[in-house]
Amino acid sequence: MAGGWARDGAVNEQIEASIADELARMRAEREALRGESLEVCEECGEPIPLARRKAVPGVRLCVSCQQSRDGSFRSRAGFNRRGSKDSQMK
């Protein structure tokens, strides 16, 4: 049962669309990283171990540089496809 002006299933469709968008973005990022692994780190110039290069195809950073980059990760704010009721009333 939908509330307000939304039809049945509209909320689930919005959730599924948001999930699909995020998955597509993540897959595109992952594909962009693939390629030949570097032998030395892009940031610090230290050698990247062979085991890491085999485990992560297209790796460009050593473990310590990757950890510091992961530690500085900022969550992306999603956007509200529908908008809040307050914004629609003004």
PDB file of N, CA and C in Angstrom:
ATOM      1  N   MET A   1       0.848  -1.170   0.000  1.00  0.00           N
ATOM      2  CA  MET A   1       0.000   0.000   0.000  1.00  0.00           C
ATOM      3  C   MET A   1       0.897   1.237   0.000  1.00  0.00           C
ATOM      4  N   ALA A   2       0.647   2.110  -0.936  1.00  0.00           N
ATOM      5  CA  ALA A   2       1.428   3.336  -1.031  1.00  0.00           C
ATOM      6  C   ALA A   2       0.720   4.445  -0.280  1.00  0.00           C
ATOM      7  N   GLY A   3       1.491   5.370   0.226  1.00  0.00           N
ATOM      8  CA  GLY A   3       0.909   6.500   0.938  1.00  0.00           C
ATOM      9  C   GLY A   3       1.066   7.761   0.119  1.00  0.00           C
ATOM     10  N   GLY A   4       0.151   8.697   0.289  1.00  0.00           N
ATOM     11  CA  GLY A   4       0.262   9.964  -0.430  1.00  0.00           C
ATOM     12  C   GLY A   4       0.014   9.773  -1.906  1.00  0.00           C
ATOM     13  N   TRP A   5       0.861  10.412  -2.737  1.00  0.00           N
ATOM     14  CA  TRP A   5       0.667  10.354  -4.178  1.00  0.00           C
ATOM     15  C   TRP A   5       1.470   9.237  -4.842  1.00  0.00           C
ATOM     16  N   ALA A   6       2.238   8.500  -4.084  1.00  0.00           N
ATOM     17  CA  ALA A   6       3.075   7.445  -4.664  1.00  0.00           C
ATOM     18  C   ALA A   6       2.239   6.209  -4.977  1.00  0.00           C
ATOM     19  N   ARG A   7       2.552   5.567  -6.083  1.00  0.00           N
ATOM     20  CA  ARG A   7       1.846   4.332  -6.441  1.00  0.00           C
ATOM     21  C   ARG A   7       2.456   3.157  -5.682  1.00  0.00           C
ATOM     22  N   ASP A   8       1.787   2.034  -5.676  1.00  0.00           N
ATOM     23  CA  ASP A   8       2.290   0.845  -4.984  1.00  0.00           C
ATOM     24  C   ASP A   8       3.653   0.454  -5.539  1.00  0.00           C
ATOM     25  N   GLY A   9       4.582   0.186  -4.651  1.00  0.00           N
ATOM     26  CA  GLY A   9       5.919  -0.259  -5.045  1.00  0.00           C
ATOM     27  C   GLY A   9       6.880   0.858  -5.414  1.00  0.00           C
ATOM     28  N   ALA A  10       6.445   2.101  -5.357  1.00  0.00           N
ATOM     29  CA  ALA A  10       7.306   3.210  -5.771  1.00  0.00           C
ATOM     30  C   ALA A  10       8.531   3.341  -4.872  1.00  0.00           C
ATOM     31  N   VAL A  11       8.355   3.150  -3.583  1.00  0.00           N
ATOM     32  CA  VAL A  11       9.485   3.272  -2.657  1.00  0.00           C
ATOM     33  C   VAL A  11      10.517   2.184  -2.944  1.00  0.00           C
ATOM     34  N   ASN A  12      10.049   0.958  -3.154  1.00  0.00           N
ATOM     35  CA  ASN A  12      10.982  -0.133  -3.466  1.00  0.00           C
ATOM     36  C   ASN A  12      11.708   0.120  -4.780  1.00  0.00           C
ATOM     37  N   GLU A  13      11.020   0.674  -5.762  1.00  0.00           N
ATOM     38  CA  GLU A  13      11.668   0.987  -7.038  1.00  0.00           C
ATOM     39  C   GLU A  13      12.767   2.030  -6.840  1.00  0.00           C
ATOM     40  N   GLN A  14      12.507   3.024  -5.997  1.00  0.00           N
ATOM     41  CA  GLN A  14      13.517   4.049  -5.730  1.00  0.00           C
ATOM     42  C   GLN A  14      14.732   3.458  -5.027  1.00  0.00           C
ATOM     43  N   ILE A  15      14.494   2.575  -4.073  1.00  0.00           N
ATOM     44  CA  ILE A  15      15.595   1.932  -3.352  1.00  0.00           C
ATOM     45  C   ILE A  15      16.411   1.080  -4.322  1.00  0.00           C
ATOM     46  N   GLU A  16      15.728   0.289  -5.148  1.00  0.00           N
ATOM     47  CA  GLU A  16      16.432  -0.570  -6.111  1.00  0.00           C
ATOM     48  C   GLU A  16      17.216   0.260  -7.119  1.00  0.00           C
ATOM     49  N   ALA A  17      16.648   1.388  -7.560  1.00  0.00           N
ATOM     50  CA  ALA A  17      17.360   2.248  -8.509  1.00  0.00           C
ATOM     51  C   ALA A  17      18.607   2.849  -7.866  1.00  0.00           C
ATOM     52  N   SER A  18      18.505   3.260  -6.606  1.00  0.00           N
ATOM     53  CA  SER A  18      19.672   3.815  -5.907  1.00  0.00           C
ATOM     54  C   SER A  18      20.768   2.769  -5.748  1.00  0.00           C
ATOM     55  N   ILE A  19      20.376   1.554  -5.403  1.00  0.00           N
ATOM     56  CA  ILE A  19      21.346   0.465  -5.259  1.00  0.00           C
ATOM     57  C   ILE A  19      21.991   0.153  -6.597  1.00  0.00           C
ATOM     58  N   ALA A  20      21.191   0.091  -7.650  1.00  0.00           N
ATOM     59  CA  ALA A  20      21.728  -0.201  -8.987  1.00  0.00           C
ATOM     60  C   ALA A  20      22.709   0.886  -9.427  1.00  0.00           C
ATOM     61  N   ASP A  21      22.394   2.148  -9.150  1.00  0.00           N
ATOM     62  CA  ASP A  21      23.300   3.246  -9.505  1.00  0.00           C
ATOM     63  C   ASP A  21      24.637   3.115  -8.782  1.00  0.00           C
ATOM     64  N   GLU A  22      24.583   2.818  -7.490  1.00  0.00           N
ATOM     65  CA  GLU A  22      25.811   2.708  -6.706  1.00  0.00           C
ATOM     66  C   GLU A  22      26.640   1.506  -7.154  1.00  0.00           C
ATOM     67  N   LEU A  23      25.985   0.387  -7.441  1.00  0.00           N
ATOM     68  CA  LEU A  23      26.711  -0.786  -7.933  1.00  0.00           C
ATOM     69  C   LEU A  23      27.371  -0.494  -9.270  1.00  0.00           C
ATOM     70  N   ALA A  24      26.677   0.208 -10.150  1.00  0.00           N
ATOM     71  CA  ALA A  24      27.265   0.559 -11.449  1.00  0.00           C
ATOM     72  C   ALA A  24      28.482   1.456 -11.266  1.00  0.00           C
ATOM     73  N   ARG A  25      28.397   2.416 -10.333  1.00  0.00           N
ATOM     74  CA  ARG A  25      29.529   3.293 -10.072  1.00  0.00           C
ATOM     75  C   ARG A  25      30.725   2.514  -9.541  1.00  0.00           C
ATOM     76  N   MET A  26      30.457   1.581  -8.607  1.00  0.00           N
ATOM     77  CA  MET A  26      31.536   0.786  -8.025  1.00  0.00           C
ATOM     78  C   MET A  26      32.172  -0.133  -9.061  1.00  0.00           C
ATOM     79  N   ARG A  27      31.344  -0.724  -9.910  1.00  0.00           N
ATOM     80  CA  ARG A  27      31.891  -1.599 -10.969  1.00  0.00           C
ATOM     81  C   ARG A  27      32.742  -0.805 -11.946  1.00  0.00           C
ATOM     82  N   ALA A  28      32.307   0.394 -12.291  1.00  0.00           N
ATOM     83  CA  ALA A  28      33.085   1.237 -13.201  1.00  0.00           C
ATOM     84  C   ALA A  28      34.432   1.605 -12.582  1.00  0.00           C
ATOM     85  N   GLU A  29      34.426   1.933 -11.296  1.00  0.00           N
ATOM     86  CA  GLU A  29      35.691   2.233 -10.604  1.00  0.00           C
ATOM     87  C   GLU A  29      36.614   1.027 -10.610  1.00  0.00           C
ATOM     88  N   ARG A  30      36.053  -0.148 -10.343  1.00  0.00           N
ATOM     89  CA  ARG A  30      36.856  -1.361 -10.302  1.00  0.00           C
ATOM     90  C   ARG A  30      37.451  -1.664 -11.676  1.00  0.00           C
ATOM     91  N   GLU A  31      36.664  -1.485 -12.722  1.00  0.00           N
ATOM     92  CA  GLU A  31      37.161  -1.734 -14.072  1.00  0.00           C
ATOM     93  C   GLU A  31      38.266  -0.755 -14.445  1.00  0.00           C
ATOM     94  N   ALA A  32      38.141   0.488 -13.970  1.00  0.00           N
ATOM     95  CA  ALA A  32      39.162   1.490 -14.268  1.00  0.00           C
ATOM     96  C   ALA A  32      40.493   1.142 -13.613  1.00  0.00           C
ATOM     97  N   LEU A  33      40.451   0.430 -12.500  1.00  0.00           N
ATOM     98  CA  LEU A  33      41.677   0.066 -11.790  1.00  0.00           C
ATOM     99  C   LEU A  33      42.405  -1.111 -12.423  1.00  0.00           C
ATOM    100  N   ARG A  34      41.671  -1.902 -13.168  1.00  0.00           N
ATOM    101  CA  ARG A  34      42.315  -3.082 -13.763  1.00  0.00           C
ATOM    102  C   ARG A  34      43.356  -2.667 -14.780  1.00  0.00           C
ATOM    103  N   GLY A  35      44.174  -3.603 -15.120  1.00  0.00           N
ATOM    104  CA  GLY A  35      45.266  -3.344 -16.040  1.00  0.00           C
ATOM    105  C   GLY A  35      46.506  -3.986 -15.455  1.00  0.00           C
ATOM    106  N   GLU A  36      47.615  -3.596 -15.945  1.00  0.00           N
ATOM    107  CA  GLU A  36      48.863  -4.169 -15.450  1.00  0.00           C
ATOM    108  C   GLU A  36      49.232  -3.555 -14.105  1.00  0.00           C
ATOM    109  N   SER A  37      49.600  -4.398 -13.172  1.00  0.00           N
ATOM    110  CA  SER A  37      50.018  -3.927 -11.851  1.00  0.00           C
ATOM    111  C   SER A  37      51.380  -3.246 -11.961  1.00  0.00           C
ATOM    112  N   LEU A  38      51.568  -2.239 -11.147  1.00  0.00           N
ATOM    113  CA  LEU A  38      52.865  -1.572 -11.092  1.00  0.00           C
ATOM    114  C   LEU A  38      53.802  -2.350 -10.180  1.00  0.00           C
ATOM    115  N   GLU A  39      55.084  -2.263 -10.452  1.00  0.00           N
ATOM    116  CA  GLU A  39      56.077  -2.938  -9.608  1.00  0.00           C
ATOM    117  C   GLU A  39      56.495  -2.064  -8.437  1.00  0.00           C
ATOM    118  N   VAL A  40      56.348  -0.748  -8.588  1.00  0.00           N
ATOM    119  CA  VAL A  40      56.654   0.181  -7.496  1.00  0.00           C
ATOM    120  C   VAL A  40      55.428   1.045  -7.237  1.00  0.00           C
ATOM    121  N   CYS A  41      55.282   1.472  -6.005  1.00  0.00           N
ATOM    122  CA  CYS A  41      54.136   2.273  -5.581  1.00  0.00           C
ATOM    123  C   CYS A  41      54.121   3.617  -6.302  1.00  0.00           C
ATOM    124  N   GLU A  42      52.946   4.027  -6.731  1.00  0.00           N
ATOM    125  CA  GLU A  42      52.767   5.297  -7.411  1.00  0.00           C
ATOM    126  C   GLU A  42      53.069   6.486  -6.506  1.00  0.00           C
ATOM    127  N   GLU A  43      52.807   6.353  -5.215  1.00  0.00           N
ATOM    128  CA  GLU A  43      52.959   7.476  -4.299  1.00  0.00           C
ATOM    129  C   GLU A  43      54.336   7.561  -3.650  1.00  0.00           C
ATOM    130  N   CYS A  44      54.830   6.425  -3.125  1.00  0.00           N
ATOM    131  CA  CYS A  44      56.083   6.495  -2.356  1.00  0.00           C
ATOM    132  C   CYS A  44      57.277   5.875  -3.087  1.00  0.00           C
ATOM    133  N   GLY A  45      57.056   5.120  -4.142  1.00  0.00           N
ATOM    134  CA  GLY A  45      58.150   4.531  -4.898  1.00  0.00           C
ATOM    135  C   GLY A  45      58.696   3.230  -4.327  1.00  0.00           C
ATOM    136  N   GLU A  46      58.094   2.730  -3.229  1.00  0.00           N
ATOM    137  CA  GLU A  46      58.527   1.451  -2.647  1.00  0.00           C
ATOM    138  C   GLU A  46      58.062   0.294  -3.541  1.00  0.00           C
ATOM    139  N   PRO A  47      58.831  -0.811  -3.556  1.00  0.00           N
ATOM    140  CA  PRO A  47      58.418  -1.962  -4.361  1.00  0.00           C
ATOM    141  C   PRO A  47      57.119  -2.578  -3.830  1.00  0.00           C
ATOM    142  N   ILE A  48      56.255  -3.007  -4.750  1.00  0.00           N
ATOM    143  CA  ILE A  48      55.017  -3.695  -4.392  1.00  0.00           C
ATOM    144  C   ILE A  48      55.302  -5.184  -4.473  1.00  0.00           C
ATOM    145  N   PRO A  49      55.056  -5.948  -3.407  1.00  0.00           N
ATOM    146  CA  PRO A  49      55.353  -7.379  -3.405  1.00  0.00           C
ATOM    147  C   PRO A  49      54.587  -8.128  -4.502  1.00  0.00           C
ATOM    148  N   LEU A  50      55.219  -9.162  -5.031  1.00  0.00           N
ATOM    149  CA  LEU A  50      54.615  -9.968  -6.093  1.00  0.00           C
ATOM    150  C   LEU A  50      53.281 -10.561  -5.644  1.00  0.00           C
ATOM    151  N   ALA A  51      53.197 -11.009  -4.395  1.00  0.00           N
ATOM    152  CA  ALA A  51      51.944 -11.601  -3.898  1.00  0.00           C
ATOM    153  C   ALA A  51      50.802 -10.589  -3.975  1.00  0.00           C
ATOM    154  N   ARG A  52      51.068  -9.339  -3.656  1.00  0.00           N
ATOM    155  CA  ARG A  52      50.031  -8.293  -3.732  1.00  0.00           C
ATOM    156  C   ARG A  52      49.645  -8.034  -5.182  1.00  0.00           C
ATOM    157  N   ARG A  53      50.624  -8.003  -6.061  1.00  0.00           N
ATOM    158  CA  ARG A  53      50.328  -7.768  -7.479  1.00  0.00           C
ATOM    159  C   ARG A  53      49.482  -8.882  -8.069  1.00  0.00           C
ATOM    160  N   LYS A  54      49.705 -10.117  -7.606  1.00  0.00           N
ATOM    161  CA  LYS A  54      48.901 -11.249  -8.093  1.00  0.00           C
ATOM    162  C   LYS A  54      47.496 -11.232  -7.480  1.00  0.00           C
ATOM    163  N   ALA A  55      47.407 -10.843  -6.205  1.00  0.00           N
ATOM    164  CA  ALA A  55      46.123 -10.858  -5.504  1.00  0.00           C
ATOM    165  C   ALA A  55      45.197  -9.738  -5.964  1.00  0.00           C
ATOM    166  N   VAL A  56      45.763  -8.587  -6.308  1.00  0.00           N
ATOM    167  CA  VAL A  56      44.959  -7.428  -6.694  1.00  0.00           C
ATOM    168  C   VAL A  56      45.404  -6.976  -8.092  1.00  0.00           C
ATOM    169  N   PRO A  57      44.743  -7.476  -9.143  1.00  0.00           N
ATOM    170  CA  PRO A  57      45.134  -7.076 -10.499  1.00  0.00           C
ATOM    171  C   PRO A  57      45.018  -5.566 -10.683  1.00  0.00           C
ATOM    172  N   GLY A  58      46.017  -4.966 -11.265  1.00  0.00           N
ATOM    173  CA  GLY A  58      46.008  -3.534 -11.521  1.00  0.00           C
ATOM    174  C   GLY A  58      46.379  -2.685 -10.321  1.00  0.00           C
ATOM    175  N   VAL A  59      46.992  -3.299  -9.309  1.00  0.00           N
ATOM    176  CA  VAL A  59      47.349  -2.558  -8.096  1.00  0.00           C
ATOM    177  C   VAL A  59      48.382  -1.481  -8.437  1.00  0.00           C
ATOM    178  N   ARG A  60      48.212  -0.313  -7.818  1.00  0.00           N
ATOM    179  CA  ARG A  60      49.092   0.808  -8.100  1.00  0.00           C
ATOM    180  C   ARG A  60      49.755   1.362  -6.847  1.00  0.00           C
ATOM    181  N   LEU A  61      49.299   0.899  -5.662  1.00  0.00           N
ATOM    182  CA  LEU A  61      49.833   1.411  -4.406  1.00  0.00           C
ATOM    183  C   LEU A  61      50.330   0.270  -3.526  1.00  0.00           C
ATOM    184  N   CYS A  62      51.344   0.550  -2.699  1.00  0.00           N
ATOM    185  CA  CYS A  62      51.794  -0.433  -1.716  1.00  0.00           C
ATOM    186  C   CYS A  62      50.755  -0.502  -0.598  1.00  0.00           C
ATOM    187  N   VAL A  63      50.897  -1.460   0.280  1.00  0.00           N
ATOM    188  CA  VAL A  63      49.910  -1.682   1.342  1.00  0.00           C
ATOM    189  C   VAL A  63      49.789  -0.452   2.241  1.00  0.00           C
ATOM    190  N   SER A  64      50.907   0.122   2.665  1.00  0.00           N
ATOM    191  CA  SER A  64      50.836   1.257   3.602  1.00  0.00           C
ATOM    192  C   SER A  64      50.182   2.479   2.955  1.00  0.00           C
ATOM    193  N   CYS A  65      50.485   2.759   1.707  1.00  0.00           N
ATOM    194  CA  CYS A  65      49.850   3.899   1.030  1.00  0.00           C
ATOM    195  C   CYS A  65      48.361   3.639   0.817  1.00  0.00           C
ATOM    196  N   GLN A  66      48.008   2.400   0.489  1.00  0.00           N
ATOM    197  CA  GLN A  66      46.597   2.069   0.315  1.00  0.00           C
ATOM    198  C   GLN A  66      45.836   2.209   1.628  1.00  0.00           C
ATOM    199  N   GLN A  67      46.474   1.778   2.732  1.00  0.00           N
ATOM    200  CA  GLN A  67      45.820   1.903   4.041  1.00  0.00           C
ATOM    201  C   GLN A  67      45.600   3.368   4.410  1.00  0.00           C
ATOM    202  N   SER A  68      46.584   4.225   4.149  1.00  0.00           N
ATOM    203  CA  SER A  68      46.379   5.637   4.476  1.00  0.00           C
ATOM    204  C   SER A  68      45.328   6.266   3.571  1.00  0.00           C
ATOM    205  N   ARG A  69      45.245   5.834   2.328  1.00  0.00           N
ATOM    206  CA  ARG A  69      44.207   6.345   1.436  1.00  0.00           C
ATOM    207  C   ARG A  69      42.826   5.855   1.887  1.00  0.00           C
ATOM    208  N   ASP A  70      42.737   4.589   2.294  1.00  0.00           N
ATOM    209  CA  ASP A  70      41.468   4.051   2.785  1.00  0.00           C
ATOM    210  C   ASP A  70      41.033   4.739   4.068  1.00  0.00           C
ATOM    211  N   GLY A  71      41.989   5.123   4.896  1.00  0.00           N
ATOM    212  CA  GLY A  71      41.667   5.804   6.143  1.00  0.00           C
ATOM    213  C   GLY A  71      41.111   7.199   5.916  1.00  0.00           C
ATOM    214  N   SER A  72      41.443   7.796   4.790  1.00  0.00           N
ATOM    215  CA  SER A  72      40.949   9.137   4.495  1.00  0.00           C
ATOM    216  C   SER A  72      39.704   9.119   3.621  1.00  0.00           C
ATOM    217  N   PHE A  73      39.084   7.954   3.464  1.00  0.00           N
ATOM    218  CA  PHE A  73      37.882   7.812   2.639  1.00  0.00           C
ATOM    219  C   PHE A  73      36.744   8.635   3.215  1.00  0.00           C
ATOM    220  N   ARG A  74      36.081   9.385   2.367  1.00  0.00           N
ATOM    221  CA  ARG A  74      34.910  10.151   2.790  1.00  0.00           C
ATOM    222  C   ARG A  74      33.683   9.546   2.135  1.00  0.00           C
ATOM    223  N   SER A  75      32.697   9.301   2.932  1.00  0.00           N
ATOM    224  CA  SER A  75      31.459   8.733   2.431  1.00  0.00           C
ATOM    225  C   SER A  75      30.780   9.736   1.505  1.00  0.00           C
ATOM    226  N   ARG A  76      30.302   9.234   0.379  1.00  0.00           N
ATOM    227  CA  ARG A  76      29.561  10.099  -0.541  1.00  0.00           C
ATOM    228  C   ARG A  76      28.136  10.248  -0.047  1.00  0.00           C
ATOM    229  N   ALA A  77      27.635  11.431  -0.116  1.00  0.00           N
ATOM    230  CA  ALA A  77      26.247  11.647   0.270  1.00  0.00           C
ATOM    231  C   ALA A  77      25.365  11.247  -0.903  1.00  0.00           C
ATOM    232  N   GLY A  78      24.375  10.437  -0.631  1.00  0.00           N
ATOM    233  CA  GLY A  78      23.431  10.084  -1.670  1.00  0.00           C
ATOM    234  C   GLY A  78      22.494  11.249  -1.920  1.00  0.00           C
ATOM    235  N   PHE A  79      21.667  11.114  -2.898  1.00  0.00           N
ATOM    236  CA  PHE A  79      20.701  12.167  -3.141  1.00  0.00           C
ATOM    237  C   PHE A  79      19.303  11.574  -3.064  1.00  0.00           C
ATOM    238  N   ASN A  80      18.393  12.388  -2.658  1.00  0.00           N
ATOM    239  CA  ASN A  80      17.020  11.966  -2.487  1.00  0.00           C
ATOM    240  C   ASN A  80      16.302  12.152  -3.806  1.00  0.00           C
ATOM    241  N   ARG A  81      15.914  11.055  -4.455  1.00  0.00           N
ATOM    242  CA  ARG A  81      15.263  11.140  -5.752  1.00  0.00           C
ATOM    243  C   ARG A  81      13.901  11.815  -5.668  1.00  0.00           C
ATOM    244  N   ARG A  82      13.239  11.626  -4.577  1.00  0.00           N
ATOM    245  CA  ARG A  82      11.869  12.089  -4.445  1.00  0.00           C
ATOM    246  C   ARG A  82      11.776  13.463  -3.817  1.00  0.00           C
ATOM    247  N   GLY A  83      12.690  13.810  -2.992  1.00  0.00           N
ATOM    248  CA  GLY A  83      12.636  15.064  -2.266  1.00  0.00           C
ATOM    249  C   GLY A  83      11.758  14.883  -1.025  1.00  0.00           C
ATOM    250  N   SER A  84      11.973  15.728  -0.068  1.00  0.00           N
ATOM    251  CA  SER A  84      11.179  15.623   1.149  1.00  0.00           C
ATOM    252  C   SER A  84       9.829  16.279   0.944  1.00  0.00           C
ATOM    253  N   LYS A  85       8.872  15.890   1.757  1.00  0.00           N
ATOM    254  CA  LYS A  85       7.548  16.490   1.659  1.00  0.00           C
ATOM    255  C   LYS A  85       7.634  17.980   1.987  1.00  0.00           C
ATOM    256  N   ASP A  86       8.518  18.349   2.909  1.00  0.00           N
ATOM    257  CA  ASP A  86       8.658  19.756   3.259  1.00  0.00           C
ATOM    258  C   ASP A  86       9.080  20.583   2.055  1.00  0.00           C
ATOM    259  N   SER A  87      10.012  20.060   1.255  1.00  0.00           N
ATOM    260  CA  SER A  87      10.488  20.827   0.102  1.00  0.00           C
ATOM    261  C   SER A  87       9.405  20.922  -0.969  1.00  0.00           C
ATOM    262  N   GLN A  88       8.489  19.960  -1.016  1.00  0.00           N
ATOM    263  CA  GLN A  88       7.423  20.001  -2.010  1.00  0.00           C
ATOM    264  C   GLN A  88       6.321  20.971  -1.597  1.00  0.00           C
ATOM    265  N   MET A  89       6.192  21.209  -0.282  1.00  0.00           N
ATOM    266  CA  MET A  89       5.122  22.057   0.200  1.00  0.00           C
ATOM    267  C   MET A  89       5.464  23.544   0.098  1.00  0.00           C
ATOM    268  N   LYS A  90       6.753  23.895   0.017  1.00  0.00           N
ATOM    269  CA  LYS A  90       7.160  25.299   0.017  1.00  0.00           C
ATOM    270  C   LYS A  90       7.052  25.918  -1.346  1.00  0.00           C
TER     271      LYS A  90
END
